Amino acid sequence: MIASTIFKILMQEVVMQEAVMQEVEDHDSNSVKPTPDLSARELEVLQLLVEGLSNPEIAAHLYLSPNTVKTHVRGILNKLGVQHRLQAAVAALRLGLV
């Protein structure tokens, strides 16, 4: 499955709980906003999120506080119309944002 493959790559082969996997598979791509208005910084955070980095790792990489990264991630989720980091990563790949 595509979602399974993407997850393994993003989460470095961590096994996903069945309920979360089902949610990702069931996520309707039409609910993702077609042209999200992400800032340049949000795109940077999103790229690192897609690569599987945690908030503290993203913060260290971009020289930001973890709270600032958390705020950016929350903004990304809202703008993409998704609820979870994995859904944001899948949406970013589908929309060609990264």
N, C-alpha and C. Protein backbone atom coordinates (compact mmCIF):
# COMPACT_ATOMS: atom_id res chain seq x y z
N MET A 1 0.83 -1.18 0.00
CA MET A 1 0.00 0.00 0.00
C MET A 1 0.88 1.25 0.00
N ILE A 2 0.42 2.26 -0.68
CA ILE A 2 1.18 3.50 -0.75
C ILE A 2 1.32 4.13 0.62
N ALA A 3 0.22 4.22 1.37
CA ALA A 3 0.27 4.84 2.70
C ALA A 3 1.25 4.10 3.61
N SER A 4 1.27 2.78 3.52
CA SER A 4 2.17 1.99 4.35
C SER A 4 3.63 2.27 3.98
N THR A 5 3.91 2.33 2.70
CA THR A 5 5.26 2.60 2.23
C THR A 5 5.72 3.98 2.65
N ILE A 6 4.85 4.97 2.44
CA ILE A 6 5.19 6.35 2.82
C ILE A 6 5.45 6.40 4.31
N PHE A 7 4.61 5.77 5.11
CA PHE A 7 4.80 5.81 6.56
C PHE A 7 6.14 5.21 6.96
N LYS A 8 6.47 4.05 6.40
CA LYS A 8 7.72 3.40 6.75
C LYS A 8 8.91 4.28 6.42
N ILE A 9 8.85 4.96 5.29
CA ILE A 9 9.94 5.86 4.92
C ILE A 9 9.99 7.04 5.87
N LEU A 10 8.84 7.65 6.13
CA LEU A 10 8.78 8.84 6.97
C LEU A 10 9.12 8.54 8.42
N MET A 11 8.67 7.46 8.91
CA MET A 11 8.84 7.14 10.32
C MET A 11 9.95 6.13 10.57
N GLN A 12 10.81 5.97 9.61
CA GLN A 12 12.02 5.15 9.69
C GLN A 12 11.69 3.74 10.19
N GLU A 13 10.75 3.11 9.46
CA GLU A 13 10.40 1.71 9.66
C GLU A 13 9.70 1.43 11.00
N VAL A 14 9.14 2.46 11.64
CA VAL A 14 8.39 2.23 12.87
C VAL A 14 7.03 1.64 12.49
N VAL A 15 6.59 0.65 13.21
CA VAL A 15 5.31 0.01 12.92
C VAL A 15 4.18 0.90 13.42
N MET A 16 3.22 1.14 12.55
CA MET A 16 2.12 2.04 12.86
C MET A 16 0.97 1.26 13.49
N GLN A 17 0.30 1.87 14.44
CA GLN A 17 -0.87 1.22 15.04
C GLN A 17 -1.96 1.09 14.00
N GLU A 18 -2.70 0.02 14.07
CA GLU A 18 -3.73 -0.27 13.07
C GLU A 18 -4.75 0.84 12.94
N ALA A 19 -5.18 1.43 14.04
CA ALA A 19 -6.22 2.48 13.98
C ALA A 19 -5.72 3.70 13.22
N VAL A 20 -4.48 4.09 13.44
CA VAL A 20 -3.93 5.25 12.75
C VAL A 20 -3.76 4.94 11.27
N MET A 21 -3.30 3.74 10.95
CA MET A 21 -3.13 3.34 9.56
C MET A 21 -4.45 3.38 8.83
N GLN A 22 -5.50 2.87 9.47
CA GLN A 22 -6.81 2.88 8.84
C GLN A 22 -7.27 4.30 8.59
N GLU A 23 -7.00 5.20 9.53
CA GLU A 23 -7.39 6.60 9.36
C GLU A 23 -6.67 7.23 8.17
N VAL A 24 -5.39 6.94 8.02
CA VAL A 24 -4.64 7.47 6.89
C VAL A 24 -5.19 6.94 5.57
N GLU A 25 -5.46 5.64 5.53
CA GLU A 25 -5.99 5.04 4.30
C GLU A 25 -7.36 5.59 3.96
N ASP A 26 -8.16 5.86 4.99
CA ASP A 26 -9.52 6.34 4.77
C ASP A 26 -9.58 7.84 4.51
N HIS A 27 -8.47 8.54 4.77
CA HIS A 27 -8.47 9.99 4.61
C HIS A 27 -8.79 10.35 3.16
N ASP A 28 -9.79 11.14 2.98
CA ASP A 28 -10.22 11.53 1.64
C ASP A 28 -9.34 12.67 1.16
N SER A 29 -8.62 12.45 0.08
CA SER A 29 -7.71 13.48 -0.43
C SER A 29 -8.46 14.74 -0.85
N ASN A 30 -9.76 14.64 -1.09
CA ASN A 30 -10.53 15.83 -1.45
C ASN A 30 -10.69 16.78 -0.28
N SER A 31 -10.49 16.30 0.96
CA SER A 31 -10.61 17.18 2.12
C SER A 31 -9.36 18.03 2.29
N VAL A 32 -8.30 17.68 1.58
CA VAL A 32 -7.08 18.48 1.63
C VAL A 32 -7.29 19.69 0.74
N LYS A 33 -6.97 20.86 1.28
CA LYS A 33 -7.14 22.09 0.50
C LYS A 33 -6.20 22.06 -0.70
N PRO A 34 -6.69 22.40 -1.90
CA PRO A 34 -5.88 22.26 -3.11
C PRO A 34 -4.68 23.20 -3.18
N THR A 35 -4.79 24.40 -2.67
CA THR A 35 -3.68 25.35 -2.74
C THR A 35 -3.48 26.01 -1.38
N PRO A 36 -2.86 25.29 -0.45
CA PRO A 36 -2.65 25.88 0.87
C PRO A 36 -1.68 27.06 0.79
N ASP A 37 -1.96 28.07 1.57
CA ASP A 37 -1.14 29.28 1.60
C ASP A 37 -0.12 29.16 2.73
N LEU A 38 0.91 28.35 2.52
CA LEU A 38 1.94 28.13 3.53
C LEU A 38 3.04 29.17 3.39
N SER A 39 3.52 29.66 4.54
CA SER A 39 4.64 30.60 4.53
C SER A 39 5.92 29.85 4.17
N ALA A 40 6.96 30.60 3.88
CA ALA A 40 8.25 29.99 3.55
C ALA A 40 8.74 29.14 4.72
N ARG A 41 8.58 29.64 5.94
CA ARG A 41 9.03 28.89 7.12
C ARG A 41 8.19 27.63 7.31
N GLU A 42 6.88 27.73 7.09
CA GLU A 42 6.03 26.54 7.20
C GLU A 42 6.44 25.49 6.17
N LEU A 43 6.83 25.91 4.98
CA LEU A 43 7.30 24.95 3.97
C LEU A 43 8.59 24.28 4.42
N GLU A 44 9.47 25.04 5.07
CA GLU A 44 10.71 24.44 5.60
C GLU A 44 10.39 23.40 6.67
N VAL A 45 9.49 23.76 7.57
CA VAL A 45 9.08 22.84 8.63
C VAL A 45 8.41 21.61 8.02
N LEU A 46 7.56 21.83 7.03
CA LEU A 46 6.87 20.72 6.38
C LEU A 46 7.85 19.77 5.71
N GLN A 47 8.86 20.28 5.07
CA GLN A 47 9.88 19.44 4.43
C GLN A 47 10.54 18.53 5.46
N LEU A 48 10.90 19.10 6.60
CA LEU A 48 11.55 18.31 7.64
C LEU A 48 10.57 17.33 8.29
N LEU A 49 9.32 17.73 8.39
CA LEU A 49 8.27 16.83 8.90
C LEU A 49 8.13 15.62 7.97
N VAL A 50 8.13 15.86 6.67
CA VAL A 50 8.04 14.78 5.68
C VAL A 50 9.25 13.84 5.80
N GLU A 51 10.39 14.39 6.14
CA GLU A 51 11.60 13.58 6.31
C GLU A 51 11.58 12.77 7.60
N GLY A 52 10.55 12.99 8.44
CA GLY A 52 10.39 12.20 9.65
C GLY A 52 11.00 12.79 10.90
N LEU A 53 11.42 14.05 10.87
CA LEU A 53 12.01 14.67 12.05
C LEU A 53 10.94 15.01 13.07
N SER A 54 11.31 14.93 14.34
CA SER A 54 10.42 15.31 15.44
C SER A 54 10.48 16.83 15.62
N ASN A 55 9.58 17.38 16.41
CA ASN A 55 9.60 18.82 16.66
C ASN A 55 10.94 19.29 17.24
N PRO A 56 11.49 18.60 18.25
CA PRO A 56 12.80 19.04 18.77
C PRO A 56 13.91 18.98 17.71
N GLU A 57 13.85 17.96 16.85
CA GLU A 57 14.86 17.85 15.79
C GLU A 57 14.70 18.97 14.77
N ILE A 58 13.46 19.29 14.43
CA ILE A 58 13.19 20.40 13.49
C ILE A 58 13.68 21.70 14.12
N ALA A 59 13.39 21.89 15.40
CA ALA A 59 13.81 23.10 16.10
C ALA A 59 15.33 23.27 16.05
N ALA A 60 16.05 22.20 16.33
CA ALA A 60 17.51 22.27 16.29
C ALA A 60 18.02 22.55 14.88
N HIS A 61 17.40 21.93 13.90
CA HIS A 61 17.83 22.09 12.51
C HIS A 61 17.61 23.53 12.01
N LEU A 62 16.50 24.14 12.42
CA LEU A 62 16.16 25.49 11.95
C LEU A 62 16.50 26.59 12.96
N TYR A 63 17.14 26.22 14.06
CA TYR A 63 17.51 27.18 15.10
C TYR A 63 16.28 27.92 15.64
N LEU A 64 15.24 27.16 15.94
CA LEU A 64 14.01 27.69 16.49
C LEU A 64 13.74 27.01 17.83
N SER A 65 12.84 27.59 18.61
CA SER A 65 12.44 26.93 19.85
C SER A 65 11.44 25.83 19.50
N PRO A 66 11.38 24.78 20.30
CA PRO A 66 10.38 23.73 20.06
C PRO A 66 8.95 24.27 20.05
N ASN A 67 8.67 25.27 20.87
CA ASN A 67 7.33 25.85 20.88
C ASN A 67 7.01 26.55 19.57
N THR A 68 8.00 27.19 18.97
CA THR A 68 7.79 27.84 17.67
C THR A 68 7.50 26.80 16.60
N VAL A 69 8.23 25.70 16.64
CA VAL A 69 8.00 24.62 15.69
C VAL A 69 6.59 24.05 15.88
N LYS A 70 6.20 23.87 17.14
CA LYS A 70 4.86 23.36 17.43
C LYS A 70 3.80 24.28 16.83
N THR A 71 4.01 25.59 16.94
CA THR A 71 3.08 26.56 16.36
C THR A 71 3.04 26.43 14.84
N HIS A 72 4.20 26.28 14.21
CA HIS A 72 4.25 26.12 12.75
C HIS A 72 3.55 24.83 12.32
N VAL A 73 3.77 23.74 13.05
CA VAL A 73 3.13 22.47 12.71
C VAL A 73 1.62 22.61 12.83
N ARG A 74 1.16 23.26 13.88
CA ARG A 74 -0.29 23.47 14.05
C ARG A 74 -0.85 24.29 12.88
N GLY A 75 -0.13 25.32 12.45
CA GLY A 75 -0.54 26.12 11.30
C GLY A 75 -0.59 25.31 10.01
N ILE A 76 0.40 24.46 9.83
CA ILE A 76 0.45 23.58 8.65
C ILE A 76 -0.75 22.65 8.63
N LEU A 77 -1.02 22.02 9.77
CA LEU A 77 -2.16 21.11 9.85
C LEU A 77 -3.46 21.84 9.52
N ASN A 78 -3.63 23.03 10.07
CA ASN A 78 -4.84 23.80 9.80
C ASN A 78 -4.96 24.18 8.33
N LYS A 79 -3.88 24.65 7.75
CA LYS A 79 -3.91 25.09 6.35
C LYS A 79 -4.11 23.94 5.38
N LEU A 80 -3.60 22.77 5.73
CA LEU A 80 -3.78 21.61 4.87
C LEU A 80 -5.12 20.91 5.13
N GLY A 81 -5.78 21.28 6.21
CA GLY A 81 -7.07 20.68 6.54
C GLY A 81 -6.95 19.24 7.02
N VAL A 82 -5.86 18.95 7.74
CA VAL A 82 -5.63 17.61 8.26
C VAL A 82 -5.48 17.67 9.78
N GLN A 83 -5.46 16.50 10.41
CA GLN A 83 -5.41 16.45 11.87
C GLN A 83 -4.10 15.90 12.43
N HIS A 84 -3.32 15.21 11.62
CA HIS A 84 -2.12 14.54 12.12
C HIS A 84 -0.92 14.83 11.22
N ARG A 85 0.26 14.70 11.79
CA ARG A 85 1.51 14.94 11.07
C ARG A 85 1.62 14.03 9.84
N LEU A 86 1.26 12.79 10.00
CA LEU A 86 1.36 11.86 8.88
C LEU A 86 0.44 12.28 7.75
N GLN A 87 -0.76 12.72 8.08
CA GLN A 87 -1.68 13.20 7.06
C GLN A 87 -1.09 14.43 6.36
N ALA A 88 -0.42 15.28 7.11
CA ALA A 88 0.22 16.46 6.52
C ALA A 88 1.32 16.03 5.55
N ALA A 89 2.09 15.03 5.94
CA ALA A 89 3.16 14.53 5.07
C ALA A 89 2.59 13.94 3.78
N VAL A 90 1.54 13.15 3.91
CA VAL A 90 0.90 12.56 2.74
C VAL A 90 0.34 13.66 1.84
N ALA A 91 -0.33 14.65 2.44
CA ALA A 91 -0.90 15.76 1.67
C ALA A 91 0.20 16.54 0.96
N ALA A 92 1.31 16.79 1.64
CA ALA A 92 2.42 17.53 1.03
C ALA A 92 2.96 16.80 -0.18
N LEU A 93 3.08 15.49 -0.08
CA LEU A 93 3.56 14.71 -1.21
C LEU A 93 2.56 14.69 -2.35
N ARG A 94 1.28 14.53 -2.02
CA ARG A 94 0.24 14.51 -3.05
C ARG A 94 0.14 15.84 -3.78
N LEU A 95 0.32 16.93 -3.03
CA LEU A 95 0.17 18.27 -3.62
C LEU A 95 1.48 18.78 -4.23
N GLY A 96 2.55 18.01 -4.09
CA GLY A 96 3.83 18.43 -4.65
C GLY A 96 4.44 19.60 -3.93
N LEU A 97 4.17 19.73 -2.65
CA LEU A 97 4.71 20.85 -1.87
C LEU A 97 6.15 20.63 -1.46
N VAL A 98 6.57 19.38 -1.44
CA VAL A 98 7.96 19.06 -1.06
C VAL A 98 8.56 18.12 -2.09
